[in-house]
């Protein structure tokens, strides 16, 4: 078999692969880093939810480096890490909520690039206004998802509550009282504030790691 034939076979294998070897290697390393961060010290709210963690930052970095597929792969690795290694009482809830809250910060920017027909490159997010707009929309979507999941699934599952009882229970811990007839409003505000805070931290730290340092130029999207 000639060198030309071998080259053609290699090109066909590369085209048929979901991930290049480089993408797979870097995404796997970032996924492992995400699992390591599961064990890092964090600050928790009274009902057990982390007030701040850095677990999802490698997920977003993988997306910024290589695109949607790598972001999803690293997120799945991180999800499994939380599920199998977290010391939380309900690791399935923690893993699912972290995954559900972070995926908008990957999917929404990917859709912004697609529908604005921006160049398909991580370089697009080097422009601050593009990144800020994308992440602002993503964080708003994150808030809506977490409001819904906490109300109908996570909090009722963990504390054996009816959804209608969730705002009062949540507000008791978050605001220091049930807040009566305004309970639902304050529940929405409380969940939104926390997820906005965590979303901003995830977005800012991820961007700061790659762009001011020009590290992203070593891993351009292909």
C-alpha atoms as a PDB file:
ATOM      1  CA  UNK A   1       0.000   0.000   0.000  1.00  0.00           C
ATOM      2  CA  UNK A   2       1.416   3.374  -0.999  1.00  0.00           C
ATOM      3  CA  UNK A   3       1.952   6.403   1.254  1.00  0.00           C
ATOM      4  CA  UNK A   4      -0.731   8.227  -0.744  1.00  0.00           C
ATOM      5  CA  UNK A   5      -3.264   5.491   0.021  1.00  0.00           C
ATOM      6  CA  UNK A   6      -2.400   5.553   3.706  1.00  0.00           C
ATOM      7  CA  UNK A   7      -2.841   9.315   3.758  1.00  0.00           C
ATOM      8  CA  UNK A   8      -6.250   8.984   2.153  1.00  0.00           C
ATOM      9  CA  UNK A   9      -7.333   6.393   4.705  1.00  0.00           C
ATOM     10  CA  UNK A  10      -6.180   8.615   7.575  1.00  0.00           C
ATOM     11  CA  UNK A  11      -8.117  11.567   6.193  1.00  0.00           C
ATOM     12  CA  UNK A  12     -11.282   9.462   5.853  1.00  0.00           C
ATOM     13  CA  UNK A  13     -10.918   8.191   9.429  1.00  0.00           C
ATOM     14  CA  UNK A  14     -10.470  11.756  10.689  1.00  0.00           C
ATOM     15  CA  UNK A  15     -13.544  12.968   8.806  1.00  0.00           C
ATOM     16  CA  UNK A  16     -15.677  10.109  10.113  1.00  0.00           C
ATOM     17  CA  UNK A  17     -14.616  10.664  13.732  1.00  0.00           C
ATOM     18  CA  UNK A  18     -16.831  12.688  16.038  1.00  0.00           C
ATOM     19  CA  UNK A  19     -13.786  14.102  17.819  1.00  0.00           C
ATOM     20  CA  UNK A  20     -10.223  14.657  16.731  1.00  0.00           C
ATOM     21  CA  UNK A  21      -7.590  13.129  18.973  1.00  0.00           C
ATOM     22  CA  UNK A  22      -6.693  16.611  20.206  1.00  0.00           C
ATOM     23  CA  UNK A  23     -10.288  17.451  21.087  1.00  0.00           C
ATOM     24  CA  UNK A  24     -10.781  14.120  22.806  1.00  0.00           C
ATOM     25  CA  UNK A  25      -7.577  14.432  24.817  1.00  0.00           C
ATOM     26  CA  UNK A  26      -8.137  18.018  25.983  1.00  0.00           C
ATOM     27  CA  UNK A  27     -11.831  17.426  26.709  1.00  0.00           C
ATOM     28  CA  UNK A  28     -10.978  14.350  28.769  1.00  0.00           C
ATOM     29  CA  UNK A  29      -8.340  16.246  30.759  1.00  0.00           C
ATOM     30  CA  UNK A  30     -10.789  19.080  31.430  1.00  0.00           C
ATOM     31  CA  UNK A  31     -13.432  16.540  32.441  1.00  0.00           C
ATOM     32  CA  UNK A  32     -10.970  15.004  34.888  1.00  0.00           C
ATOM     33  CA  UNK A  33     -10.215  18.481  36.258  1.00  0.00           C
ATOM     34  CA  UNK A  34     -13.942  18.984  36.760  1.00  0.00           C
ATOM     35  CA  UNK A  35     -14.103  15.764  38.784  1.00  0.00           C
ATOM     36  CA  UNK A  36     -11.123  16.924  40.865  1.00  0.00           C
ATOM     37  CA  UNK A  37     -12.986  20.163  41.635  1.00  0.00           C
ATOM     38  CA  UNK A  38     -15.838  18.107  43.108  1.00  0.00           C
ATOM     39  CA  UNK A  39     -13.515  17.524  46.068  1.00  0.00           C
ATOM     40  CA  UNK A  40     -12.417  21.151  46.371  1.00  0.00           C
ATOM     41  CA  UNK A  41     -13.683  23.115  49.412  1.00  0.00           C
ATOM     42  CA  UNK A  42     -16.812  25.155  48.737  1.00  0.00           C
ATOM     43  CA  UNK A  43     -19.267  27.411  50.539  1.00  0.00           C
ATOM     44  CA  UNK A  44     -22.738  25.965  51.003  1.00  0.00           C
ATOM     45  CA  UNK A  45     -26.126  27.479  51.651  1.00  0.00           C
ATOM     46  CA  UNK A  46     -28.105  26.237  54.697  1.00  0.00           C
ATOM     47  CA  UNK A  47     -30.019  23.579  52.731  1.00  0.00           C
ATOM     48  CA  UNK A  48     -26.848  22.069  51.232  1.00  0.00           C
ATOM     49  CA  UNK A  49     -26.585  23.788  47.834  1.00  0.00           C
ATOM     50  CA  UNK A  50     -23.127  25.152  47.031  1.00  0.00           C
ATOM     51  CA  UNK A  51     -23.033  28.940  47.191  1.00  0.00           C
ATOM     52  CA  UNK A  52     -20.003  28.945  44.890  1.00  0.00           C
ATOM     53  CA  UNK A  53     -18.032  26.239  43.104  1.00  0.00           C
ATOM     54  CA  UNK A  54     -15.799  25.979  40.051  1.00  0.00           C
ATOM     55  CA  UNK A  55     -16.866  22.557  38.773  1.00  0.00           C
ATOM     56  CA  UNK A  56     -18.443  23.841  35.556  1.00  0.00           C
ATOM     57  CA  UNK A  57     -15.588  26.119  34.485  1.00  0.00           C
ATOM     58  CA  UNK A  58     -13.716  23.295  32.655  1.00  0.00           C
ATOM     59  CA  UNK A  59     -16.976  22.516  30.816  1.00  0.00           C
ATOM     60  CA  UNK A  60     -17.216  26.044  29.449  1.00  0.00           C
ATOM     61  CA  UNK A  61     -13.496  26.192  28.663  1.00  0.00           C
ATOM     62  CA  UNK A  62     -13.832  22.994  26.593  1.00  0.00           C
ATOM     63  CA  UNK A  63     -16.652  24.623  24.627  1.00  0.00           C
ATOM     64  CA  UNK A  64     -14.698  27.830  24.056  1.00  0.00           C
ATOM     65  CA  UNK A  65     -11.679  25.853  22.879  1.00  0.00           C
ATOM     66  CA  UNK A  66     -13.278  23.302  20.554  1.00  0.00           C
ATOM     67  CA  UNK A  67     -16.996  23.953  20.280  1.00  0.00           C
ATOM     68  CA  UNK A  68     -20.286  22.362  21.234  1.00  0.00           C
ATOM     69  CA  UNK A  69     -19.313  18.679  21.008  1.00  0.00           C
ATOM     70  CA  UNK A  70     -16.344  19.080  23.319  1.00  0.00           C
ATOM     71  CA  UNK A  71     -18.348  21.183  25.739  1.00  0.00           C
ATOM     72  CA  UNK A  72     -21.001  18.473  25.936  1.00  0.00           C
ATOM     73  CA  UNK A  73     -18.428  15.675  26.362  1.00  0.00           C
ATOM     74  CA  UNK A  74     -16.695  17.476  29.220  1.00  0.00           C
ATOM     75  CA  UNK A  75     -20.063  18.273  30.816  1.00  0.00           C
ATOM     76  CA  UNK A  76     -21.074  14.617  30.742  1.00  0.00           C
ATOM     77  CA  UNK A  77     -17.762  13.606  32.331  1.00  0.00           C
ATOM     78  CA  UNK A  78     -18.343  16.232  35.028  1.00  0.00           C
ATOM     79  CA  UNK A  79     -21.911  15.042  35.567  1.00  0.00           C
ATOM     80  CA  UNK A  80     -20.680  11.490  36.129  1.00  0.00           C
ATOM     81  CA  UNK A  81     -17.999  12.786  38.475  1.00  0.00           C
ATOM     82  CA  UNK A  82     -20.540  14.579  40.656  1.00  0.00           C
ATOM     83  CA  UNK A  83     -22.867  11.576  40.601  1.00  0.00           C
ATOM     84  CA  UNK A  84     -20.253   8.998  41.576  1.00  0.00           C
ATOM     85  CA  UNK A  85     -17.898  10.993  43.779  1.00  0.00           C
ATOM     86  CA  UNK A  86     -19.925  13.748  45.420  1.00  0.00           C
ATOM     87  CA  UNK A  87     -20.497  13.369  49.156  1.00  0.00           C
ATOM     88  CA  UNK A  88     -23.906  15.036  48.896  1.00  0.00           C
ATOM     89  CA  UNK A  89     -26.903  13.204  50.346  1.00  0.00           C
ATOM     90  CA  UNK A  90     -28.574  13.245  46.907  1.00  0.00           C
ATOM     91  CA  UNK A  91     -25.791  13.086  44.280  1.00  0.00           C
ATOM     92  CA  UNK A  92     -28.263  12.512  41.437  1.00  0.00           C
ATOM     93  CA  UNK A  93     -29.986  15.797  42.276  1.00  0.00           C
ATOM     94  CA  UNK A  94     -26.689  17.653  42.552  1.00  0.00           C
ATOM     95  CA  UNK A  95     -25.351  16.245  39.290  1.00  0.00           C
ATOM     96  CA  UNK A  96     -28.574  16.854  37.380  1.00  0.00           C
ATOM     97  CA  UNK A  97     -29.002  20.398  38.664  1.00  0.00           C
ATOM     98  CA  UNK A  98     -25.382  21.315  37.909  1.00  0.00           C
ATOM     99  CA  UNK A  99     -25.636  19.876  34.412  1.00  0.00           C
ATOM    100  CA  UNK A 100     -29.005  21.527  33.733  1.00  0.00           C
ATOM    101  CA  UNK A 101     -27.816  24.880  35.048  1.00  0.00           C
ATOM    102  CA  UNK A 102     -24.563  24.891  33.075  1.00  0.00           C
ATOM    103  CA  UNK A 103     -25.685  23.541  29.710  1.00  0.00           C
ATOM    104  CA  UNK A 104     -27.343  26.876  28.769  1.00  0.00           C
ATOM    105  CA  UNK A 105     -23.919  28.526  29.114  1.00  0.00           C
ATOM    106  CA  UNK A 106     -22.738  26.183  26.365  1.00  0.00           C
ATOM    107  CA  UNK A 107     -25.819  25.739  24.176  1.00  0.00           C
ATOM    108  CA  UNK A 108     -26.939  29.365  24.027  1.00  0.00           C
ATOM    109  CA  UNK A 109     -23.574  30.810  22.895  1.00  0.00           C
ATOM    110  CA  UNK A 110     -23.358  28.021  20.311  1.00  0.00           C
ATOM    111  CA  UNK A 111     -26.798  28.989  19.002  1.00  0.00           C
ATOM    112  CA  UNK A 112     -25.871  32.679  18.987  1.00  0.00           C
ATOM    113  CA  UNK A 113     -22.936  31.893  16.728  1.00  0.00           C
ATOM    114  CA  UNK A 114     -25.097  29.723  14.503  1.00  0.00           C
ATOM    115  CA  UNK A 115     -27.980  32.140  14.038  1.00  0.00           C
ATOM    116  CA  UNK A 116     -25.874  35.289  13.745  1.00  0.00           C
ATOM    117  CA  UNK A 117     -23.689  33.480  11.207  1.00  0.00           C
ATOM    118  CA  UNK A 118     -20.591  34.539  13.067  1.00  0.00           C
ATOM    119  CA  UNK A 119     -17.363  32.833  12.075  1.00  0.00           C
ATOM    120  CA  UNK A 120     -17.348  29.344  13.525  1.00  0.00           C
ATOM    121  CA  UNK A 121     -14.414  29.943  15.820  1.00  0.00           C
ATOM    122  CA  UNK A 122     -13.648  30.490  19.471  1.00  0.00           C
ATOM    123  CA  UNK A 123     -12.184  33.767  18.247  1.00  0.00           C
ATOM    124  CA  UNK A 124     -15.718  35.149  18.071  1.00  0.00           C
ATOM    125  CA  UNK A 125     -15.883  35.139  21.859  1.00  0.00           C
ATOM    126  CA  UNK A 126     -12.649  37.116  22.115  1.00  0.00           C
ATOM    127  CA  UNK A 127     -14.913  40.064  21.270  1.00  0.00           C
ATOM    128  CA  UNK A 128     -16.289  41.014  24.666  1.00  0.00           C
ATOM    129  CA  UNK A 129     -19.665  42.271  23.472  1.00  0.00           C
ATOM    130  CA  UNK A 130     -20.364  38.979  21.657  1.00  0.00           C
ATOM    131  CA  UNK A 131     -19.447  36.958  24.719  1.00  0.00           C
ATOM    132  CA  UNK A 132     -21.324  39.192  27.168  1.00  0.00           C
ATOM    133  CA  UNK A 133     -24.481  39.139  25.046  1.00  0.00           C
ATOM    134  CA  UNK A 134     -24.326  35.366  24.641  1.00  0.00           C
ATOM    135  CA  UNK A 135     -23.761  34.739  28.342  1.00  0.00           C
ATOM    136  CA  UNK A 136     -26.409  37.241  29.428  1.00  0.00           C
ATOM    137  CA  UNK A 137     -29.002  35.315  27.421  1.00  0.00           C
ATOM    138  CA  UNK A 138     -27.579  32.010  28.668  1.00  0.00           C
ATOM    139  CA  UNK A 139     -27.789  33.059  32.323  1.00  0.00           C
ATOM    140  CA  UNK A 140     -31.408  34.173  31.857  1.00  0.00           C
ATOM    141  CA  UNK A 141     -32.204  30.725  30.408  1.00  0.00           C
ATOM    142  CA  UNK A 142     -30.313  29.124  33.293  1.00  0.00           C
ATOM    143  CA  UNK A 143     -32.479  30.987  35.789  1.00  0.00           C
ATOM    144  CA  UNK A 144     -35.694  29.831  34.111  1.00  0.00           C
ATOM    145  CA  UNK A 145     -34.546  26.194  34.031  1.00  0.00           C
ATOM    146  CA  UNK A 146     -33.458  26.151  37.668  1.00  0.00           C
ATOM    147  CA  UNK A 147     -36.621  27.897  38.848  1.00  0.00           C
ATOM    148  CA  UNK A 148     -38.658  25.170  37.153  1.00  0.00           C
ATOM    149  CA  UNK A 149     -36.515  22.209  38.257  1.00  0.00           C
ATOM    150  CA  UNK A 150     -36.209  23.349  41.867  1.00  0.00           C
ATOM    151  CA  UNK A 151     -39.936  23.954  42.088  1.00  0.00           C
ATOM    152  CA  UNK A 152     -41.186  20.739  40.496  1.00  0.00           C
ATOM    153  CA  UNK A 153     -38.404  18.235  41.119  1.00  0.00           C
ATOM    154  CA  UNK A 154     -35.225  18.931  43.125  1.00  0.00           C
ATOM    155  CA  UNK A 155     -36.605  20.466  46.322  1.00  0.00           C
ATOM    156  CA  UNK A 156     -39.749  18.247  46.430  1.00  0.00           C
ATOM    157  CA  UNK A 157     -37.577  15.159  45.853  1.00  0.00           C
ATOM    158  CA  UNK A 158     -35.034  16.010  48.559  1.00  0.00           C
ATOM    159  CA  UNK A 159     -37.442  17.190  51.210  1.00  0.00           C
ATOM    160  CA  UNK A 160     -40.621  15.268  50.369  1.00  0.00           C
ATOM    161  CA  UNK A 161     -42.596  18.442  49.708  1.00  0.00           C
ATOM    162  CA  UNK A 162     -45.395  19.362  47.370  1.00  0.00           C
ATOM    163  CA  UNK A 163     -44.363  21.944  44.744  1.00  0.00           C
ATOM    164  CA  UNK A 164     -46.728  24.470  46.314  1.00  0.00           C
ATOM    165  CA  UNK A 165     -44.754  24.215  49.560  1.00  0.00           C
ATOM    166  CA  UNK A 166     -41.380  24.840  47.897  1.00  0.00           C
ATOM    167  CA  UNK A 167     -41.387  28.685  47.930  1.00  0.00           C
ATOM    168  CA  UNK A 168     -42.059  28.868  51.656  1.00  0.00           C
ATOM    169  CA  UNK A 169     -39.397  26.257  52.488  1.00  0.00           C
ATOM    170  CA  UNK A 170     -36.852  27.812  50.151  1.00  0.00           C
ATOM    171  CA  UNK A 171     -37.439  31.332  51.437  1.00  0.00           C
ATOM    172  CA  UNK A 172     -37.122  30.228  55.039  1.00  0.00           C
ATOM    173  CA  UNK A 173     -33.505  29.295  54.396  1.00  0.00           C
ATOM    174  CA  UNK A 174     -32.625  31.874  51.737  1.00  0.00           C
ATOM    175  CA  UNK A 175     -34.378  34.973  53.107  1.00  0.00           C
ATOM    176  CA  UNK A 176     -34.914  33.971  56.725  1.00  0.00           C
ATOM    177  CA  UNK A 177     -38.734  33.716  56.564  1.00  0.00           C
ATOM    178  CA  UNK A 178     -41.616  32.277  54.562  1.00  0.00           C
ATOM    179  CA  UNK A 179     -42.611  35.787  53.335  1.00  0.00           C
ATOM    180  CA  UNK A 180     -46.323  34.944  53.233  1.00  0.00           C
ATOM    181  CA  UNK A 181     -48.239  35.887  50.101  1.00  0.00           C
ATOM    182  CA  UNK A 182     -45.039  37.041  48.372  1.00  0.00           C
ATOM    183  CA  UNK A 183     -43.393  33.630  48.777  1.00  0.00           C
ATOM    184  CA  UNK A 184     -43.428  32.734  45.073  1.00  0.00           C
ATOM    185  CA  UNK A 185     -42.005  36.111  44.043  1.00  0.00           C
ATOM    186  CA  UNK A 186     -39.165  35.827  46.528  1.00  0.00           C
ATOM    187  CA  UNK A 187     -38.551  32.221  45.563  1.00  0.00           C
ATOM    188  CA  UNK A 188     -38.090  33.272  41.924  1.00  0.00           C
ATOM    189  CA  UNK A 189     -35.872  36.168  42.992  1.00  0.00           C
ATOM    190  CA  UNK A 190     -33.769  33.984  45.292  1.00  0.00           C
ATOM    191  CA  UNK A 191     -33.150  31.240  42.719  1.00  0.00           C
ATOM    192  CA  UNK A 192     -32.404  33.847  40.045  1.00  0.00           C
ATOM    193  CA  UNK A 193     -29.938  35.741  42.218  1.00  0.00           C
ATOM    194  CA  UNK A 194     -27.973  32.644  43.118  1.00  0.00           C
ATOM    195  CA  UNK A 195     -27.861  31.308  39.559  1.00  0.00           C
ATOM    196  CA  UNK A 196     -26.941  34.701  38.153  1.00  0.00           C
ATOM    197  CA  UNK A 197     -24.059  34.926  40.624  1.00  0.00           C
ATOM    198  CA  UNK A 198     -22.769  31.426  39.827  1.00  0.00           C
ATOM    199  CA  UNK A 199     -23.317  31.915  36.096  1.00  0.00           C
ATOM    200  CA  UNK A 200     -21.369  35.175  36.045  1.00  0.00           C
ATOM    201  CA  UNK A 201     -18.483  33.567  37.955  1.00  0.00           C
ATOM    202  CA  UNK A 202     -18.413  30.590  35.546  1.00  0.00           C
ATOM    203  CA  UNK A 203     -18.521  32.835  32.471  1.00  0.00           C
ATOM    204  CA  UNK A 204     -15.975  35.412  33.652  1.00  0.00           C
ATOM    205  CA  UNK A 205     -13.405  32.941  34.982  1.00  0.00           C
ATOM    206  CA  UNK A 206     -13.632  30.762  31.847  1.00  0.00           C
ATOM    207  CA  UNK A 207     -13.143  33.757  29.545  1.00  0.00           C
ATOM    208  CA  UNK A 208     -10.314  35.155  31.675  1.00  0.00           C
ATOM    209  CA  UNK A 209      -8.400  31.872  31.535  1.00  0.00           C
ATOM    210  CA  UNK A 210      -8.403  31.760  27.727  1.00  0.00           C
ATOM    211  CA  UNK A 211      -8.575  35.202  26.147  1.00  0.00           C
ATOM    212  CA  UNK A 212      -6.415  37.735  28.047  1.00  0.00           C
ATOM    213  CA  UNK A 213      -3.711  35.048  28.087  1.00  0.00           C
ATOM    214  CA  UNK A 214      -4.199  34.262  24.358  1.00  0.00           C
ATOM    215  CA  UNK A 215      -4.271  30.589  25.333  1.00  0.00           C
ATOM    216  CA  UNK A 216      -7.253  30.065  23.019  1.00  0.00           C
ATOM    217  CA  UNK A 217      -5.030  30.672  19.975  1.00  0.00           C
ATOM    218  CA  UNK A 218      -3.315  27.354  20.597  1.00  0.00           C
ATOM    219  CA  UNK A 219      -6.633  25.486  20.334  1.00  0.00           C
ATOM    220  CA  UNK A 220      -8.539  27.050  17.450  1.00  0.00           C
ATOM    221  CA  UNK A 221     -11.784  25.439  16.319  1.00  0.00           C
ATOM    222  CA  UNK A 222     -11.316  23.515  13.129  1.00  0.00           C
END
